[in-house]
Amino acid sequence: EESHEWDRPIEFVFSLISNSVGLGNVWRFPFLAAQNGGGAFLIPYFVVYFLIGAPIYFLELALGQFSNNGPAKAFSLARGWQ
């Protein structure tokens, strides 16, 4: 079975963005930010994103790359998740 290779690295980045961000997030986030405090809401949002969201996203991506499966199947590598 041949593995797929990207022609350019930017294609890989765009595919990650398209899988992570939906139109609902782009459409609704400014409304929710304004409703919940405007700019003051962005400070805890980005703190939580960089401390929790980005490392978990990287873990999911790394497990998927390592196991050549999707993230849901990659967690079957750990005995506690079986």
PDB file of N, CA and C in Angstrom:
ATOM      1  N   GLU A   1       0.848  -1.182   0.000  1.00  0.00           N
ATOM      2  CA  GLU A   1       0.000   0.000   0.000  1.00  0.00           C
ATOM      3  C   GLU A   1       0.891   1.241   0.000  1.00  0.00           C
ATOM      4  N   GLU A   2       0.682   2.101  -0.967  1.00  0.00           N
ATOM      5  CA  GLU A   2       1.481   3.314  -1.072  1.00  0.00           C
ATOM      6  C   GLU A   2       0.933   4.391  -0.155  1.00  0.00           C
ATOM      7  N   SER A   3       1.841   5.129   0.440  1.00  0.00           N
ATOM      8  CA  SER A   3       1.400   6.246   1.276  1.00  0.00           C
ATOM      9  C   SER A   3       1.363   7.513   0.430  1.00  0.00           C
ATOM     10  N   HIS A   4       0.455   8.383   0.783  1.00  0.00           N
ATOM     11  CA  HIS A   4       0.285   9.632   0.050  1.00  0.00           C
ATOM     12  C   HIS A   4       1.337  10.629   0.492  1.00  0.00           C
ATOM     13  N   GLU A   5       1.904  11.351  -0.443  1.00  0.00           N
ATOM     14  CA  GLU A   5       2.849  12.416  -0.134  1.00  0.00           C
ATOM     15  C   GLU A   5       2.290  13.725  -0.668  1.00  0.00           C
ATOM     16  N   TRP A   6       2.456  14.768   0.096  1.00  0.00           N
ATOM     17  CA  TRP A   6       1.984  16.085  -0.313  1.00  0.00           C
ATOM     18  C   TRP A   6       2.949  16.674  -1.333  1.00  0.00           C
ATOM     19  N   ASP A   7       2.405  17.397  -2.309  1.00  0.00           N
ATOM     20  CA  ASP A   7       3.254  18.054  -3.298  1.00  0.00           C
ATOM     21  C   ASP A   7       4.019  19.213  -2.677  1.00  0.00           C
ATOM     22  N   ARG A   8       3.322  19.974  -1.826  1.00  0.00           N
ATOM     23  CA  ARG A   8       3.931  21.112  -1.144  1.00  0.00           C
ATOM     24  C   ARG A   8       3.521  21.084   0.319  1.00  0.00           C
ATOM     25  N   PRO A   9       4.360  21.563   1.229  1.00  0.00           N
ATOM     26  CA  PRO A   9       4.009  21.557   2.656  1.00  0.00           C
ATOM     27  C   PRO A   9       2.766  22.385   2.970  1.00  0.00           C
ATOM     28  N   ILE A  10       2.510  23.425   2.190  1.00  0.00           N
ATOM     29  CA  ILE A  10       1.348  24.275   2.464  1.00  0.00           C
ATOM     30  C   ILE A  10       0.041  23.505   2.259  1.00  0.00           C
ATOM     31  N   GLU A  11       0.040  22.506   1.392  1.00  0.00           N
ATOM     32  CA  GLU A  11      -1.152  21.675   1.210  1.00  0.00           C
ATOM     33  C   GLU A  11      -1.484  20.919   2.495  1.00  0.00           C
ATOM     34  N   PHE A  12      -0.466  20.440   3.175  1.00  0.00           N
ATOM     35  CA  PHE A  12      -0.672  19.738   4.435  1.00  0.00           C
ATOM     36  C   PHE A  12      -1.244  20.685   5.484  1.00  0.00           C
ATOM     37  N   VAL A  13      -0.709  21.892   5.560  1.00  0.00           N
ATOM     38  CA  VAL A  13      -1.196  22.878   6.524  1.00  0.00           C
ATOM     39  C   VAL A  13      -2.649  23.240   6.233  1.00  0.00           C
ATOM     40  N   PHE A  14      -2.979  23.450   4.960  1.00  0.00           N
ATOM     41  CA  PHE A  14      -4.366  23.774   4.603  1.00  0.00           C
ATOM     42  C   PHE A  14      -5.319  22.623   4.908  1.00  0.00           C
ATOM     43  N   SER A  15      -4.866  21.390   4.737  1.00  0.00           N
ATOM     44  CA  SER A  15      -5.733  20.257   5.064  1.00  0.00           C
ATOM     45  C   SER A  15      -5.975  20.170   6.569  1.00  0.00           C
ATOM     46  N   LEU A  16      -4.953  20.492   7.390  1.00  0.00           N
ATOM     47  CA  LEU A  16      -5.153  20.524   8.843  1.00  0.00           C
ATOM     48  C   LEU A  16      -6.154  21.594   9.233  1.00  0.00           C
ATOM     49  N   ILE A  17      -6.032  22.767   8.637  1.00  0.00           N
ATOM     50  CA  ILE A  17      -6.951  23.858   8.952  1.00  0.00           C
ATOM     51  C   ILE A  17      -8.368  23.505   8.528  1.00  0.00           C
ATOM     52  N   SER A  18      -8.513  22.918   7.352  1.00  0.00           N
ATOM     53  CA  SER A  18      -9.866  22.598   6.877  1.00  0.00           C
ATOM     54  C   SER A  18     -10.527  21.511   7.719  1.00  0.00           C
ATOM     55  N   ASN A  19      -9.752  20.615   8.296  1.00  0.00           N
ATOM     56  CA  ASN A  19     -10.324  19.592   9.165  1.00  0.00           C
ATOM     57  C   ASN A  19     -10.634  20.119  10.563  1.00  0.00           C
ATOM     58  N   SER A  20      -9.957  21.180  10.971  1.00  0.00           N
ATOM     59  CA  SER A  20     -10.109  21.687  12.330  1.00  0.00           C
ATOM     60  C   SER A  20     -11.133  22.801  12.456  1.00  0.00           C
ATOM     61  N   VAL A  21     -11.210  23.646  11.474  1.00  0.00           N
ATOM     62  CA  VAL A  21     -12.049  24.841  11.569  1.00  0.00           C
ATOM     63  C   VAL A  21     -13.205  24.714  10.595  1.00  0.00           C
ATOM     64  N   GLY A  22     -14.390  24.752  11.123  1.00  0.00           N
ATOM     65  CA  GLY A  22     -15.574  24.724  10.285  1.00  0.00           C
ATOM     66  C   GLY A  22     -16.152  26.117  10.130  1.00  0.00           C
ATOM     67  N   LEU A  23     -17.080  26.255   9.218  1.00  0.00           N
ATOM     68  CA  LEU A  23     -17.713  27.550   8.983  1.00  0.00           C
ATOM     69  C   LEU A  23     -18.478  28.014  10.212  1.00  0.00           C
ATOM     70  N   GLY A  24     -19.023  27.078  10.971  1.00  0.00           N
ATOM     71  CA  GLY A  24     -19.742  27.443  12.189  1.00  0.00           C
ATOM     72  C   GLY A  24     -18.850  28.133  13.200  1.00  0.00           C
ATOM     73  N   ASN A  25     -17.606  27.700  13.314  1.00  0.00           N
ATOM     74  CA  ASN A  25     -16.667  28.335  14.237  1.00  0.00           C
ATOM     75  C   ASN A  25     -16.330  29.747  13.792  1.00  0.00           C
ATOM     76  N   VAL A  26     -16.082  29.921  12.513  1.00  0.00           N
ATOM     77  CA  VAL A  26     -15.719  31.237  11.990  1.00  0.00           C
ATOM     78  C   VAL A  26     -16.907  32.184  12.088  1.00  0.00           C
ATOM     79  N   TRP A  27     -18.097  31.681  11.840  1.00  0.00           N
ATOM     80  CA  TRP A  27     -19.297  32.508  11.833  1.00  0.00           C
ATOM     81  C   TRP A  27     -19.724  32.877  13.245  1.00  0.00           C
ATOM     82  N   ARG A  28     -19.640  31.960  14.166  1.00  0.00           N
ATOM     83  CA  ARG A  28     -20.207  32.161  15.495  1.00  0.00           C
ATOM     84  C   ARG A  28     -19.223  32.722  16.527  1.00  0.00           C
ATOM     85  N   PHE A  29     -17.920  32.529  16.339  1.00  0.00           N
ATOM     86  CA  PHE A  29     -16.962  32.952  17.354  1.00  0.00           C
ATOM     87  C   PHE A  29     -16.989  34.450  17.636  1.00  0.00           C
ATOM     88  N   PRO A  30     -17.005  35.333  16.644  1.00  0.00           N
ATOM     89  CA  PRO A  30     -17.060  36.766  16.975  1.00  0.00           C
ATOM     90  C   PRO A  30     -18.314  37.142  17.768  1.00  0.00           C
ATOM     91  N   PHE A  31     -19.442  36.513  17.461  1.00  0.00           N
ATOM     92  CA  PHE A  31     -20.675  36.780  18.202  1.00  0.00           C
ATOM     93  C   PHE A  31     -20.535  36.343  19.651  1.00  0.00           C
ATOM     94  N   LEU A  32     -20.014  35.147  19.878  1.00  0.00           N
ATOM     95  CA  LEU A  32     -19.857  34.649  21.246  1.00  0.00           C
ATOM     96  C   LEU A  32     -18.814  35.454  22.025  1.00  0.00           C
ATOM     97  N   ALA A  33     -17.757  35.888  21.347  1.00  0.00           N
ATOM     98  CA  ALA A  33     -16.742  36.696  22.019  1.00  0.00           C
ATOM     99  C   ALA A  33     -17.332  38.033  22.461  1.00  0.00           C
ATOM    100  N   ALA A  34     -18.108  38.668  21.611  1.00  0.00           N
ATOM    101  CA  ALA A  34     -18.731  39.942  21.970  1.00  0.00           C
ATOM    102  C   ALA A  34     -19.773  39.761  23.070  1.00  0.00           C
ATOM    103  N   GLN A  35     -20.493  38.667  23.035  1.00  0.00           N
ATOM    104  CA  GLN A  35     -21.530  38.408  24.032  1.00  0.00           C
ATOM    105  C   GLN A  35     -20.932  38.108  25.408  1.00  0.00           C
ATOM    106  N   ASN A  36     -19.749  37.500  25.456  1.00  0.00           N
ATOM    107  CA  ASN A  36     -19.141  37.084  26.714  1.00  0.00           C
ATOM    108  C   ASN A  36     -18.010  37.980  27.191  1.00  0.00           C
ATOM    109  N   GLY A  37     -17.985  39.203  26.778  1.00  0.00           N
ATOM    110  CA  GLY A  37     -17.003  40.126  27.326  1.00  0.00           C
ATOM    111  C   GLY A  37     -16.074  40.755  26.323  1.00  0.00           C
ATOM    112  N   GLY A  38     -16.249  40.506  25.059  1.00  0.00           N
ATOM    113  CA  GLY A  38     -15.427  41.149  24.040  1.00  0.00           C
ATOM    114  C   GLY A  38     -13.972  40.757  24.133  1.00  0.00           C
ATOM    115  N   GLY A  39     -13.092  41.762  24.165  1.00  0.00           N
ATOM    116  CA  GLY A  39     -11.652  41.531  24.173  1.00  0.00           C
ATOM    117  C   GLY A  39     -11.162  40.830  25.422  1.00  0.00           C
ATOM    118  N   ALA A  40     -11.849  41.060  26.557  1.00  0.00           N
ATOM    119  CA  ALA A  40     -11.438  40.397  27.795  1.00  0.00           C
ATOM    120  C   ALA A  40     -11.642  38.887  27.709  1.00  0.00           C
ATOM    121  N   PHE A  41     -12.550  38.459  26.873  1.00  0.00           N
ATOM    122  CA  PHE A  41     -12.789  37.032  26.681  1.00  0.00           C
ATOM    123  C   PHE A  41     -11.626  36.382  25.935  1.00  0.00           C
ATOM    124  N   LEU A  42     -10.938  37.151  25.093  1.00  0.00           N
ATOM    125  CA  LEU A  42      -9.874  36.582  24.269  1.00  0.00           C
ATOM    126  C   LEU A  42      -8.640  36.180  25.075  1.00  0.00           C
ATOM    127  N   ILE A  43      -8.388  36.851  26.184  1.00  0.00           N
ATOM    128  CA  ILE A  43      -7.205  36.523  26.988  1.00  0.00           C
ATOM    129  C   ILE A  43      -7.286  35.104  27.544  1.00  0.00           C
ATOM    130  N   PRO A  44      -8.345  34.719  28.284  1.00  0.00           N
ATOM    131  CA  PRO A  44      -8.402  33.328  28.748  1.00  0.00           C
ATOM    132  C   PRO A  44      -8.559  32.330  27.612  1.00  0.00           C
ATOM    133  N   TYR A  45      -9.210  32.751  26.526  1.00  0.00           N
ATOM    134  CA  TYR A  45      -9.370  31.854  25.382  1.00  0.00           C
ATOM    135  C   TYR A  45      -8.021  31.449  24.821  1.00  0.00           C
ATOM    136  N   PHE A  46      -7.140  32.399  24.564  1.00  0.00           N
ATOM    137  CA  PHE A  46      -5.836  32.083  23.994  1.00  0.00           C
ATOM    138  C   PHE A  46      -4.917  31.398  24.998  1.00  0.00           C
ATOM    139  N   VAL A  47      -5.044  31.717  26.282  1.00  0.00           N
ATOM    140  CA  VAL A  47      -4.256  31.023  27.299  1.00  0.00           C
ATOM    141  C   VAL A  47      -4.617  29.544  27.319  1.00  0.00           C
ATOM    142  N   VAL A  48      -5.902  29.253  27.341  1.00  0.00           N
ATOM    143  CA  VAL A  48      -6.349  27.855  27.345  1.00  0.00           C
ATOM    144  C   VAL A  48      -5.987  27.171  26.028  1.00  0.00           C
ATOM    145  N   TYR A  49      -6.088  27.901  24.935  1.00  0.00           N
ATOM    146  CA  TYR A  49      -5.740  27.320  23.641  1.00  0.00           C
ATOM    147  C   TYR A  49      -4.282  26.884  23.619  1.00  0.00           C
ATOM    148  N   PHE A  50      -3.371  27.761  24.053  1.00  0.00           N
ATOM    149  CA  PHE A  50      -1.952  27.431  23.978  1.00  0.00           C
ATOM    150  C   PHE A  50      -1.519  26.435  25.048  1.00  0.00           C
ATOM    151  N   LEU A  51      -2.177  26.398  26.191  1.00  0.00           N
ATOM    152  CA  LEU A  51      -1.800  25.465  27.239  1.00  0.00           C
ATOM    153  C   LEU A  51      -2.434  24.088  27.090  1.00  0.00           C
ATOM    154  N   ILE A  52      -3.643  24.032  26.538  1.00  0.00           N
ATOM    155  CA  ILE A  52      -4.366  22.762  26.451  1.00  0.00           C
ATOM    156  C   ILE A  52      -4.669  22.371  25.005  1.00  0.00           C
ATOM    157  N   GLY A  53      -5.260  23.267  24.246  1.00  0.00           N
ATOM    158  CA  GLY A  53      -5.726  22.928  22.905  1.00  0.00           C
ATOM    159  C   GLY A  53      -4.632  22.565  21.934  1.00  0.00           C
ATOM    160  N   ALA A  54      -3.594  23.384  21.843  1.00  0.00           N
ATOM    161  CA  ALA A  54      -2.515  23.119  20.887  1.00  0.00           C
ATOM    162  C   ALA A  54      -1.743  21.841  21.215  1.00  0.00           C
ATOM    163  N   PRO A  55      -1.388  21.579  22.490  1.00  0.00           N
ATOM    164  CA  PRO A  55      -0.696  20.303  22.757  1.00  0.00           C
ATOM    165  C   PRO A  55      -1.554  19.070  22.467  1.00  0.00           C
ATOM    166  N   ILE A  56      -2.839  19.125  22.755  1.00  0.00           N
ATOM    167  CA  ILE A  56      -3.705  17.977  22.469  1.00  0.00           C
ATOM    168  C   ILE A  56      -3.856  17.788  20.962  1.00  0.00           C
ATOM    169  N   TYR A  57      -3.949  18.887  20.228  1.00  0.00           N
ATOM    170  CA  TYR A  57      -4.034  18.797  18.769  1.00  0.00           C
ATOM    171  C   TYR A  57      -2.752  18.194  18.201  1.00  0.00           C
ATOM    172  N   PHE A  58      -1.601  18.612  18.735  1.00  0.00           N
ATOM    173  CA  PHE A  58      -0.326  18.055  18.287  1.00  0.00           C
ATOM    174  C   PHE A  58      -0.229  16.567  18.624  1.00  0.00           C
ATOM    175  N   LEU A  59      -0.687  16.169  19.807  1.00  0.00           N
ATOM    176  CA  LEU A  59      -0.694  14.761  20.193  1.00  0.00           C
ATOM    177  C   LEU A  59      -1.546  13.939  19.243  1.00  0.00           C
ATOM    178  N   GLU A  60      -2.719  14.457  18.906  1.00  0.00           N
ATOM    179  CA  GLU A  60      -3.613  13.757  17.988  1.00  0.00           C
ATOM    180  C   GLU A  60      -2.968  13.617  16.617  1.00  0.00           C
ATOM    181  N   LEU A  61      -2.335  14.674  16.144  1.00  0.00           N
ATOM    182  CA  LEU A  61      -1.668  14.640  14.848  1.00  0.00           C
ATOM    183  C   LEU A  61      -0.490  13.672  14.863  1.00  0.00           C
ATOM    184  N   ALA A  62       0.302  13.701  15.923  1.00  0.00           N
ATOM    185  CA  ALA A  62       1.468  12.816  16.011  1.00  0.00           C
ATOM    186  C   ALA A  62       1.054  11.350  16.107  1.00  0.00           C
ATOM    187  N   LEU A  63       0.010  11.053  16.877  1.00  0.00           N
ATOM    188  CA  LEU A  63      -0.457   9.666  16.970  1.00  0.00           C
ATOM    189  C   LEU A  63      -0.983   9.165  15.633  1.00  0.00           C
ATOM    190  N   GLY A  64      -1.685  10.038  14.920  1.00  0.00           N
ATOM    191  CA  GLY A  64      -2.187   9.657  13.603  1.00  0.00           C
ATOM    192  C   GLY A  64      -1.060   9.395  12.622  1.00  0.00           C
ATOM    193  N   GLN A  65      -0.018  10.226  12.667  1.00  0.00           N
ATOM    194  CA  GLN A  65       1.131  10.030  11.781  1.00  0.00           C
ATOM    195  C   GLN A  65       1.892   8.754  12.148  1.00  0.00           C
ATOM    196  N   PHE A  66       2.035   8.518  13.438  1.00  0.00           N
ATOM    197  CA  PHE A  66       2.801   7.361  13.904  1.00  0.00           C
ATOM    198  C   PHE A  66       2.120   6.042  13.550  1.00  0.00           C
ATOM    199  N   SER A  67       0.811   6.003  13.726  1.00  0.00           N
ATOM    200  CA  SER A  67       0.109   4.735  13.540  1.00  0.00           C
ATOM    201  C   SER A  67      -0.456   4.542  12.138  1.00  0.00           C
ATOM    202  N   ASN A  68      -0.359   5.553  11.288  1.00  0.00           N
ATOM    203  CA  ASN A  68      -0.944   5.519   9.944  1.00  0.00           C
ATOM    204  C   ASN A  68      -2.438   5.241   9.990  1.00  0.00           C
ATOM    205  N   ASN A  69      -3.082   5.633  11.054  1.00  0.00           N
ATOM    206  CA  ASN A  69      -4.528   5.510  11.224  1.00  0.00           C
ATOM    207  C   ASN A  69      -5.082   6.861  11.623  1.00  0.00           C
ATOM    208  N   GLY A  70      -6.377   6.929  11.750  1.00  0.00           N
ATOM    209  CA  GLY A  70      -6.989   8.123  12.283  1.00  0.00           C
ATOM    210  C   GLY A  70      -6.745   8.215  13.781  1.00  0.00           C
ATOM    211  N   PRO A  71      -6.971   9.380  14.368  1.00  0.00           N
ATOM    212  CA  PRO A  71      -6.725   9.553  15.796  1.00  0.00           C
ATOM    213  C   PRO A  71      -7.554   8.612  16.665  1.00  0.00           C
ATOM    214  N   ALA A  72      -8.772   8.302  16.265  1.00  0.00           N
ATOM    215  CA  ALA A  72      -9.610   7.417  17.072  1.00  0.00           C
ATOM    216  C   ALA A  72      -9.008   6.012  17.138  1.00  0.00           C
ATOM    217  N   LYS A  73      -8.469   5.539  16.036  1.00  0.00           N
ATOM    218  CA  LYS A  73      -7.846   4.210  16.026  1.00  0.00           C
ATOM    219  C   LYS A  73      -6.453   4.241  16.638  1.00  0.00           C
ATOM    220  N   ALA A  74      -5.815   5.394  16.629  1.00  0.00           N
ATOM    221  CA  ALA A  74      -4.454   5.499  17.172  1.00  0.00           C
ATOM    222  C   ALA A  74      -4.443   5.288  18.673  1.00  0.00           C
ATOM    223  N   PHE A  75      -5.514   5.665  19.369  1.00  0.00           N
ATOM    224  CA  PHE A  75      -5.551   5.497  20.810  1.00  0.00           C
ATOM    225  C   PHE A  75      -5.660   4.032  21.206  1.00  0.00           C
ATOM    226  N   SER A  76      -5.890   3.140  20.261  1.00  0.00           N
ATOM    227  CA  SER A  76      -5.899   1.713  20.600  1.00  0.00           C
ATOM    228  C   SER A  76      -4.479   1.208  20.863  1.00  0.00           C
ATOM    229  N   LEU A  77      -3.451   2.034  20.631  1.00  0.00           N
ATOM    230  CA  LEU A  77      -2.082   1.648  20.934  1.00  0.00           C
ATOM    231  C   LEU A  77      -1.863   1.528  22.448  1.00  0.00           C
ATOM    232  N   ALA A  78      -2.600   2.309  23.230  1.00  0.00           N
ATOM    233  CA  ALA A  78      -2.476   2.277  24.684  1.00  0.00           C
ATOM    234  C   ALA A  78      -3.415   1.223  25.240  1.00  0.00           C
ATOM    235  N   ARG A  79      -2.945   0.423  26.130  1.00  0.00           N
ATOM    236  CA  ARG A  79      -3.767  -0.657  26.684  1.00  0.00           C
ATOM    237  C   ARG A  79      -4.934  -0.134  27.499  1.00  0.00           C
ATOM    238  N   GLY A  80      -4.769   1.009  28.125  1.00  0.00           N
ATOM    239  CA  GLY A  80      -5.852   1.568  28.928  1.00  0.00           C
ATOM    240  C   GLY A  80      -7.042   2.027  28.118  1.00  0.00           C
ATOM    241  N   TRP A  81      -6.846   2.288  26.840  1.00  0.00           N
ATOM    242  CA  TRP A  81      -7.935   2.776  25.973  1.00  0.00           C
ATOM    243  C   TRP A  81      -8.653   1.632  25.271  1.00  0.00           C
ATOM    244  N   GLN A  82      -8.176   0.416  25.402  1.00  0.00           N
ATOM    245  CA  GLN A  82      -8.791  -0.703  24.683  1.00  0.00           C
ATOM    246  C   GLN A  82     -10.018  -1.223  25.379  1.00  0.00           C
TER     247      GLN A  82
END
